[in-house]
C-alpha atoms as a PDB file:
ATOM      1  CA  UNK A   1     -20.729 240.030-207.102  1.00  0.00           C
ATOM      2  CA  UNK A   2     -19.801 240.044-210.740  1.00  0.00           C
ATOM      3  CA  UNK A   3     -19.903 236.177-210.673  1.00  0.00           C
ATOM      4  CA  UNK A   4     -23.465 235.556-212.087  1.00  0.00           C
ATOM      5  CA  UNK A   5     -22.726 232.109-213.023  1.00  0.00           C
ATOM      6  CA  UNK A   6     -25.971 229.982-213.281  1.00  0.00           C
ATOM      7  CA  UNK A   7     -26.098 226.862-211.024  1.00  0.00           C
ATOM      8  CA  UNK A   8     -28.771 224.041-210.791  1.00  0.00           C
ATOM      9  CA  UNK A   9     -28.978 222.216-207.467  1.00  0.00           C
ATOM     10  CA  UNK A  10     -30.658 218.782-207.712  1.00  0.00           C
ATOM     11  CA  UNK A  11     -31.481 217.188-204.412  1.00  0.00           C
ATOM     12  CA  UNK A  12     -34.670 215.548-203.180  1.00  0.00           C
ATOM     13  CA  UNK A  13     -34.143 217.015-199.688  1.00  0.00           C
ATOM     14  CA  UNK A  14     -36.072 220.320-199.604  1.00  0.00           C
ATOM     15  CA  UNK A  15     -34.218 221.655-196.500  1.00  0.00           C
ATOM     16  CA  UNK A  16     -30.830 221.118-198.203  1.00  0.00           C
ATOM     17  CA  UNK A  17     -31.929 222.506-201.445  1.00  0.00           C
ATOM     18  CA  UNK A  18     -33.155 225.733-199.758  1.00  0.00           C
ATOM     19  CA  UNK A  19     -30.085 226.098-197.754  1.00  0.00           C
ATOM     20  CA  UNK A  20     -27.729 225.657-200.684  1.00  0.00           C
ATOM     21  CA  UNK A  21     -29.795 227.925-202.867  1.00  0.00           C
ATOM     22  CA  UNK A  22     -29.684 230.666-200.158  1.00  0.00           C
ATOM     23  CA  UNK A  23     -26.047 230.373-199.526  1.00  0.00           C
ATOM     24  CA  UNK A  24     -24.836 230.266-203.043  1.00  0.00           C
ATOM     25  CA  UNK A  25     -27.212 233.248-204.102  1.00  0.00           C
ATOM     26  CA  UNK A  26     -25.564 235.169-201.262  1.00  0.00           C
ATOM     27  CA  UNK A  27     -22.120 234.365-202.820  1.00  0.00           C
ATOM     28  CA  UNK A  28     -23.107 235.889-206.117  1.00  0.00           C
ATOM     29  CA  UNK A  29     -24.520 233.009-208.181  1.00  0.00           C
ATOM     30  CA  UNK A  30     -27.800 232.712-209.943  1.00  0.00           C
ATOM     31  CA  UNK A  31     -29.346 229.432-208.610  1.00  0.00           C
ATOM     32  CA  UNK A  32     -32.265 227.186-209.735  1.00  0.00           C
ATOM     33  CA  UNK A  33     -33.227 223.942-208.110  1.00  0.00           C
ATOM     34  CA  UNK A  34     -34.902 220.766-209.000  1.00  0.00           C
ATOM     35  CA  UNK A  35     -36.315 218.006-206.600  1.00  0.00           C
ATOM     36  CA  UNK A  36     -35.365 214.922-208.573  1.00  0.00           C
ATOM     37  CA  UNK A  37     -33.939 213.721-212.046  1.00  0.00           C
ATOM     38  CA  UNK A  38     -37.203 214.165-213.813  1.00  0.00           C
ATOM     39  CA  UNK A  39     -37.641 217.575-212.569  1.00  0.00           C
ATOM     40  CA  UNK A  40     -34.005 218.416-213.452  1.00  0.00           C
ATOM     41  CA  UNK A  41     -34.587 217.225-217.096  1.00  0.00           C
ATOM     42  CA  UNK A  42     -37.634 219.577-217.572  1.00  0.00           C
ATOM     43  CA  UNK A  43     -35.563 222.507-216.088  1.00  0.00           C
ATOM     44  CA  UNK A  44     -32.584 221.668-218.475  1.00  0.00           C
ATOM     45  CA  UNK A  45     -34.786 221.423-221.341  1.00  0.00           C
ATOM     46  CA  UNK A  46     -35.474 225.241-221.126  1.00  0.00           C
ATOM     47  CA  UNK A  47     -32.383 226.679-219.445  1.00  0.00           C
ATOM     48  CA  UNK A  48     -28.547 226.605-219.744  1.00  0.00           C
ATOM     49  CA  UNK A  49     -26.364 226.288-216.740  1.00  0.00           C
ATOM     50  CA  UNK A  50     -22.680 226.800-215.959  1.00  0.00           C
ATOM     51  CA  UNK A  51     -22.731 224.030-213.489  1.00  0.00           C
ATOM     52  CA  UNK A  52     -24.896 221.367-211.877  1.00  0.00           C
ATOM     53  CA  UNK A  53     -24.629 220.235-208.262  1.00  0.00           C
ATOM     54  CA  UNK A  54     -26.237 216.749-208.154  1.00  0.00           C
ATOM     55  CA  UNK A  55     -27.093 214.516-205.261  1.00  0.00           C
ATOM     56  CA  UNK A  56     -26.368 210.785-205.954  1.00  0.00           C
ATOM     57  CA  UNK A  57     -29.016 209.298-203.597  1.00  0.00           C
ATOM     58  CA  UNK A  58     -32.416 210.373-204.942  1.00  0.00           C
ATOM     59  CA  UNK A  59     -35.571 208.245-205.310  1.00  0.00           C
ATOM     60  CA  UNK A  60     -36.316 207.226-208.720  1.00  0.00           C
ATOM     61  CA  UNK A  61     -33.445 207.777-211.053  1.00  0.00           C
ATOM     62  CA  UNK A  62     -30.153 208.219-209.215  1.00  0.00           C
ATOM     63  CA  UNK A  63     -27.637 210.933-209.707  1.00  0.00           C
ATOM     64  CA  UNK A  64     -25.101 208.553-211.628  1.00  0.00           C
ATOM     65  CA  UNK A  65     -27.730 207.478-214.145  1.00  0.00           C
ATOM     66  CA  UNK A  66     -28.827 210.977-214.639  1.00  0.00           C
ATOM     67  CA  UNK A  67     -25.110 212.112-215.131  1.00  0.00           C
ATOM     68  CA  UNK A  68     -24.423 209.404-217.616  1.00  0.00           C
ATOM     69  CA  UNK A  69     -27.477 210.284-219.604  1.00  0.00           C
ATOM     70  CA  UNK A  70     -26.803 214.007-219.519  1.00  0.00           C
ATOM     71  CA  UNK A  71     -23.353 213.529-220.699  1.00  0.00           C
ATOM     72  CA  UNK A  72     -24.642 212.188-224.014  1.00  0.00           C
ATOM     73  CA  UNK A  73     -25.779 215.746-225.103  1.00  0.00           C
ATOM     74  CA  UNK A  74     -24.406 218.165-222.280  1.00  0.00           C
ATOM     75  CA  UNK A  75     -20.815 219.272-221.532  1.00  0.00           C
ATOM     76  CA  UNK A  76     -22.033 221.324-218.407  1.00  0.00           C
ATOM     77  CA  UNK A  77     -19.706 220.579-215.449  1.00  0.00           C
ATOM     78  CA  UNK A  78     -21.320 218.254-212.861  1.00  0.00           C
ATOM     79  CA  UNK A  79     -20.431 218.092-209.143  1.00  0.00           C
ATOM     80  CA  UNK A  80     -21.802 215.073-207.339  1.00  0.00           C
ATOM     81  CA  UNK A  81     -22.836 215.000-203.741  1.00  0.00           C
ATOM     82  CA  UNK A  82     -21.977 211.494-202.410  1.00  0.00           C
ATOM     83  CA  UNK A  83     -22.744 209.746-199.064  1.00  0.00           C
ATOM     84  CA  UNK A  84     -19.659 209.802-196.812  1.00  0.00           C
ATOM     85  CA  UNK A  85     -17.125 206.925-197.446  1.00  0.00           C
ATOM     86  CA  UNK A  86     -19.067 205.698-200.529  1.00  0.00           C
ATOM     87  CA  UNK A  87     -15.920 205.387-202.651  1.00  0.00           C
ATOM     88  CA  UNK A  88     -17.652 203.144-205.211  1.00  0.00           C
ATOM     89  CA  UNK A  89     -20.225 205.743-205.941  1.00  0.00           C
ATOM     90  CA  UNK A  90     -17.499 208.509-206.487  1.00  0.00           C
ATOM     91  CA  UNK A  91     -15.550 206.381-208.824  1.00  0.00           C
ATOM     92  CA  UNK A  92     -18.877 205.401-210.624  1.00  0.00           C
ATOM     93  CA  UNK A  93     -19.896 209.049-210.853  1.00  0.00           C
ATOM     94  CA  UNK A  94     -16.467 210.058-212.384  1.00  0.00           C
ATOM     95  CA  UNK A  95     -16.728 207.189-214.801  1.00  0.00           C
ATOM     96  CA  UNK A  96     -20.243 208.490-215.661  1.00  0.00           C
ATOM     97  CA  UNK A  97     -18.846 211.787-216.605  1.00  0.00           C
ATOM     98  CA  UNK A  98     -18.926 213.899-213.281  1.00  0.00           C
ATOM     99  CA  UNK A  99     -16.211 216.548-212.880  1.00  0.00           C
ATOM    100  CA  UNK A 100     -15.803 216.245-209.137  1.00  0.00           C
ATOM    101  CA  UNK A 101     -17.611 214.974-206.025  1.00  0.00           C
ATOM    102  CA  UNK A 102     -18.062 216.163-202.389  1.00  0.00           C
ATOM    103  CA  UNK A 103     -19.112 213.800-199.555  1.00  0.00           C
ATOM    104  CA  UNK A 104     -21.913 214.610-197.289  1.00  0.00           C
ATOM    105  CA  UNK A 105     -21.917 216.081-194.706  1.00  0.00           C
ATOM    106  CA  UNK A 106     -19.915 219.034-195.898  1.00  0.00           C
ATOM    107  CA  UNK A 107     -19.295 222.686-195.056  1.00  0.00           C
ATOM    108  CA  UNK A 108     -21.132 225.104-197.433  1.00  0.00           C
ATOM    109  CA  UNK A 109     -17.793 227.053-197.801  1.00  0.00           C
ATOM    110  CA  UNK A 110     -16.129 223.787-199.149  1.00  0.00           C
ATOM    111  CA  UNK A 111     -18.865 223.293-201.710  1.00  0.00           C
ATOM    112  CA  UNK A 112     -18.155 226.948-202.701  1.00  0.00           C
ATOM    113  CA  UNK A 113     -14.351 226.252-203.205  1.00  0.00           C
ATOM    114  CA  UNK A 114     -15.226 223.195-205.322  1.00  0.00           C
ATOM    115  CA  UNK A 115     -17.710 224.997-207.493  1.00  0.00           C
ATOM    116  CA  UNK A 116     -15.186 228.066-207.987  1.00  0.00           C
ATOM    117  CA  UNK A 117     -12.422 225.553-208.833  1.00  0.00           C
ATOM    118  CA  UNK A 118     -14.521 223.828-211.498  1.00  0.00           C
ATOM    119  CA  UNK A 119     -15.616 227.083-213.052  1.00  0.00           C
ATOM    120  CA  UNK A 120     -11.952 228.298-213.219  1.00  0.00           C
ATOM    121  CA  UNK A 121     -11.160 225.096-215.274  1.00  0.00           C
ATOM    122  CA  UNK A 122     -13.586 226.187-218.034  1.00  0.00           C
ATOM    123  CA  UNK A 123     -11.791 227.263-221.128  1.00  0.00           C
ATOM    124  CA  UNK A 124     -11.341 230.866-221.350  1.00  0.00           C
ATOM    125  CA  UNK A 125      -7.539 231.685-221.811  1.00  0.00           C
ATOM    126  CA  UNK A 126      -5.487 230.845-224.697  1.00  0.00           C
ATOM    127  CA  UNK A 127      -1.953 229.198-224.778  1.00  0.00           C
ATOM    128  CA  UNK A 128       1.134 230.941-225.469  1.00  0.00           C
ATOM    129  CA  UNK A 129       2.017 232.000-229.040  1.00  0.00           C
ATOM    130  CA  UNK A 130       5.125 229.776-229.206  1.00  0.00           C
ATOM    131  CA  UNK A 131       3.125 226.578-228.832  1.00  0.00           C
ATOM    132  CA  UNK A 132       1.491 224.721-231.729  1.00  0.00           C
ATOM    133  CA  UNK A 133      -2.169 225.663-232.150  1.00  0.00           C
ATOM    134  CA  UNK A 134      -3.352 222.122-233.112  1.00  0.00           C
ATOM    135  CA  UNK A 135      -1.950 218.831-231.758  1.00  0.00           C
ATOM    136  CA  UNK A 136      -2.269 215.755-234.039  1.00  0.00           C
ATOM    137  CA  UNK A 137      -3.215 212.574-232.357  1.00  0.00           C
ATOM    138  CA  UNK A 138      -3.439 210.005-235.152  1.00  0.00           C
ATOM    139  CA  UNK A 139      -7.144 210.403-236.489  1.00  0.00           C
ATOM    140  CA  UNK A 140      -7.772 213.100-233.816  1.00  0.00           C
ATOM    141  CA  UNK A 141      -6.807 216.770-233.806  1.00  0.00           C
ATOM    142  CA  UNK A 142      -6.964 218.936-230.719  1.00  0.00           C
ATOM    143  CA  UNK A 143      -7.314 222.661-231.307  1.00  0.00           C
ATOM    144  CA  UNK A 144      -5.581 224.277-228.281  1.00  0.00           C
ATOM    145  CA  UNK A 145      -7.362 227.664-228.788  1.00  0.00           C
ATOM    146  CA  UNK A 146     -10.746 226.472-229.224  1.00  0.00           C
ATOM    147  CA  UNK A 147     -10.238 223.605-226.743  1.00  0.00           C
ATOM    148  CA  UNK A 148     -11.870 221.360-229.303  1.00  0.00           C
ATOM    149  CA  UNK A 149     -11.196 217.630-230.126  1.00  0.00           C
ATOM    150  CA  UNK A 150     -12.037 216.435-233.432  1.00  0.00           C
ATOM    151  CA  UNK A 151     -11.952 212.947-234.878  1.00  0.00           C
ATOM    152  CA  UNK A 152     -12.257 213.513-238.751  1.00  0.00           C
ATOM    153  CA  UNK A 153     -14.973 216.087-239.194  1.00  0.00           C
ATOM    154  CA  UNK A 154     -16.800 214.968-235.887  1.00  0.00           C
ATOM    155  CA  UNK A 155     -16.432 217.013-232.656  1.00  0.00           C
ATOM    156  CA  UNK A 156     -15.813 214.841-229.688  1.00  0.00           C
ATOM    157  CA  UNK A 157     -17.431 216.004-226.615  1.00  0.00           C
ATOM    158  CA  UNK A 158     -15.129 216.903-223.553  1.00  0.00           C
ATOM    159  CA  UNK A 159     -16.187 217.482-220.040  1.00  0.00           C
ATOM    160  CA  UNK A 160     -14.775 220.547-218.252  1.00  0.00           C
ATOM    161  CA  UNK A 161     -12.156 218.329-216.469  1.00  0.00           C
ATOM    162  CA  UNK A 162     -11.121 216.692-219.771  1.00  0.00           C
ATOM    163  CA  UNK A 163     -10.699 220.165-221.261  1.00  0.00           C
ATOM    164  CA  UNK A 164      -8.562 221.186-218.346  1.00  0.00           C
ATOM    165  CA  UNK A 165      -6.488 217.887-218.561  1.00  0.00           C
ATOM    166  CA  UNK A 166      -5.883 218.720-222.356  1.00  0.00           C
ATOM    167  CA  UNK A 167      -5.018 222.079-221.386  1.00  0.00           C
ATOM    168  CA  UNK A 168      -2.394 220.998-218.854  1.00  0.00           C
ATOM    169  CA  UNK A 169      -0.907 218.332-221.273  1.00  0.00           C
ATOM    170  CA  UNK A 170      -0.763 220.684-224.179  1.00  0.00           C
ATOM    171  CA  UNK A 171       1.283 223.106-222.380  1.00  0.00           C
ATOM    172  CA  UNK A 172       3.850 220.415-221.818  1.00  0.00           C
ATOM    173  CA  UNK A 173       3.598 218.001-224.834  1.00  0.00           C
ATOM    174  CA  UNK A 174       5.938 215.046-224.703  1.00  0.00           C
ATOM    175  CA  UNK A 175       6.761 215.669-220.945  1.00  0.00           C
ATOM    176  CA  UNK A 176       5.520 213.398-218.242  1.00  0.00           C
ATOM    177  CA  UNK A 177       3.274 215.176-215.499  1.00  0.00           C
ATOM    178  CA  UNK A 178       2.960 213.402-212.179  1.00  0.00           C
ATOM    179  CA  UNK A 179      -0.312 212.521-210.751  1.00  0.00           C
ATOM    180  CA  UNK A 180       0.196 214.719-207.721  1.00  0.00           C
ATOM    181  CA  UNK A 181       0.785 217.698-210.103  1.00  0.00           C
ATOM    182  CA  UNK A 182      -2.380 216.814-212.013  1.00  0.00           C
ATOM    183  CA  UNK A 183      -4.378 216.795-208.841  1.00  0.00           C
ATOM    184  CA  UNK A 184      -2.917 220.329-207.921  1.00  0.00           C
ATOM    185  CA  UNK A 185      -3.566 221.700-211.443  1.00  0.00           C
ATOM    186  CA  UNK A 186      -7.006 220.462-211.525  1.00  0.00           C
ATOM    187  CA  UNK A 187      -7.720 222.544-208.378  1.00  0.00           C
ATOM    188  CA  UNK A 188      -8.463 219.370-206.193  1.00  0.00           C
ATOM    189  CA  UNK A 189      -8.109 219.560-202.561  1.00  0.00           C
ATOM    190  CA  UNK A 190      -5.976 216.452-201.578  1.00  0.00           C
ATOM    191  CA  UNK A 191      -6.113 217.446-197.847  1.00  0.00           C
ATOM    192  CA  UNK A 192      -9.162 216.009-196.109  1.00  0.00           C
ATOM    193  CA  UNK A 193     -10.285 213.509-198.737  1.00  0.00           C
ATOM    194  CA  UNK A 194      -6.608 212.038-198.882  1.00  0.00           C
ATOM    195  CA  UNK A 195      -4.285 212.506-201.830  1.00  0.00           C
ATOM    196  CA  UNK A 196      -4.475 208.708-202.799  1.00  0.00           C
ATOM    197  CA  UNK A 197      -8.337 209.196-203.373  1.00  0.00           C
ATOM    198  CA  UNK A 198      -7.702 212.386-205.511  1.00  0.00           C
ATOM    199  CA  UNK A 199      -4.921 210.503-207.454  1.00  0.00           C
ATOM    200  CA  UNK A 200      -7.328 207.554-208.112  1.00  0.00           C
ATOM    201  CA  UNK A 201     -10.036 210.126-209.355  1.00  0.00           C
ATOM    202  CA  UNK A 202      -7.421 211.627-211.870  1.00  0.00           C
ATOM    203  CA  UNK A 203      -6.688 208.038-213.070  1.00  0.00           C
ATOM    204  CA  UNK A 204     -10.370 207.559-213.758  1.00  0.00           C
ATOM    205  CA  UNK A 205     -10.467 210.899-215.703  1.00  0.00           C
ATOM    206  CA  UNK A 206      -7.446 209.860-217.743  1.00  0.00           C
ATOM    207  CA  UNK A 207      -9.015 206.470-218.553  1.00  0.00           C
ATOM    208  CA  UNK A 208     -12.161 208.342-219.802  1.00  0.00           C
ATOM    209  CA  UNK A 209     -10.127 210.717-221.800  1.00  0.00           C
ATOM    210  CA  UNK A 210      -8.250 208.012-223.451  1.00  0.00           C
ATOM    211  CA  UNK A 211     -11.444 206.292-224.792  1.00  0.00           C
ATOM    212  CA  UNK A 212     -11.894 209.481-226.704  1.00  0.00           C
ATOM    213  CA  UNK A 213      -8.468 209.865-228.100  1.00  0.00           C
ATOM    214  CA  UNK A 214      -6.967 206.357-228.473  1.00  0.00           C
ATOM    215  CA  UNK A 215      -7.757 203.603-231.163  1.00  0.00           C
ATOM    216  CA  UNK A 216      -6.978 201.114-228.290  1.00  0.00           C
ATOM    217  CA  UNK A 217      -7.491 202.751-224.771  1.00  0.00           C
ATOM    218  CA  UNK A 218      -5.795 199.717-223.131  1.00  0.00           C
ATOM    219  CA  UNK A 219      -2.647 200.325-225.180  1.00  0.00           C
ATOM    220  CA  UNK A 220      -2.427 204.023-225.349  1.00  0.00           C
ATOM    221  CA  UNK A 221      -0.274 205.531-227.951  1.00  0.00           C
ATOM    222  CA  UNK A 222      -0.820 209.242-227.349  1.00  0.00           C
ATOM    223  CA  UNK A 223      -1.894 209.506-223.775  1.00  0.00           C
ATOM    224  CA  UNK A 224       0.882 207.505-222.243  1.00  0.00           C
ATOM    225  CA  UNK A 225       1.539 206.169-218.713  1.00  0.00           C
ATOM    226  CA  UNK A 226       5.325 206.961-217.866  1.00  0.00           C
ATOM    227  CA  UNK A 227       6.300 204.421-215.124  1.00  0.00           C
ATOM    228  CA  UNK A 228       7.268 206.188-211.936  1.00  0.00           C
ATOM    229  CA  UNK A 229       6.701 209.637-213.610  1.00  0.00           C
ATOM    230  CA  UNK A 230       3.032 210.108-214.300  1.00  0.00           C
ATOM    231  CA  UNK A 231       1.158 210.623-217.645  1.00  0.00           C
ATOM    232  CA  UNK A 232       2.349 212.228-220.886  1.00  0.00           C
ATOM    233  CA  UNK A 233       0.610 213.500-224.046  1.00  0.00           C
ATOM    234  CA  UNK A 234       2.844 212.442-227.008  1.00  0.00           C
ATOM    235  CA  UNK A 235       1.303 214.001-230.233  1.00  0.00           C
ATOM    236  CA  UNK A 236       2.623 212.976-233.713  1.00  0.00           C
END
């Protein structure tokens, strides 16, 4: 396969690590594995990855804490594995900076679909020539081609999901986009997990993105909520 994306699996269960490694390698990925947060840090110090699959429940430092810590320096997409029905874990994981989550137990094929959906979100294509190349959001500037957000001279780090959200909003500036449409465009599956849960996940991502764009995230000027219609990016 031409895929060759490099994945890191972090799970304290040796059997699961081995199964996932084997399955994902069979599907064309390069795969490394780590048994806990400390091991993952050592691996990440020497290698770059395209995506991290991270179990929340691990002895020692848990996956949410590791995600929050990695987000300070890394933009690599993170997919969390959560215990079934632990909604609080999922929301906490997204708030910490994860891009998506999958509840255990899961079908390996579903994990593959989620991984491919996240990797497709990563910036690669550019927007139409007729659209502005830079959006001005008060003190922030968003360069559409480079998928780069700057506040003054400082680059503001965006996760893969935040990059995809900015791409969706930049394609339709000053037009409201419904939460259902955002769920679809982010490549999330609203079937088994329930559409409401996925819409709630989108709300969390929007809240996180507002913290990076807005002077006052609680009273957003640029990433607005349009009652009954969804969310809208309103550049200057």
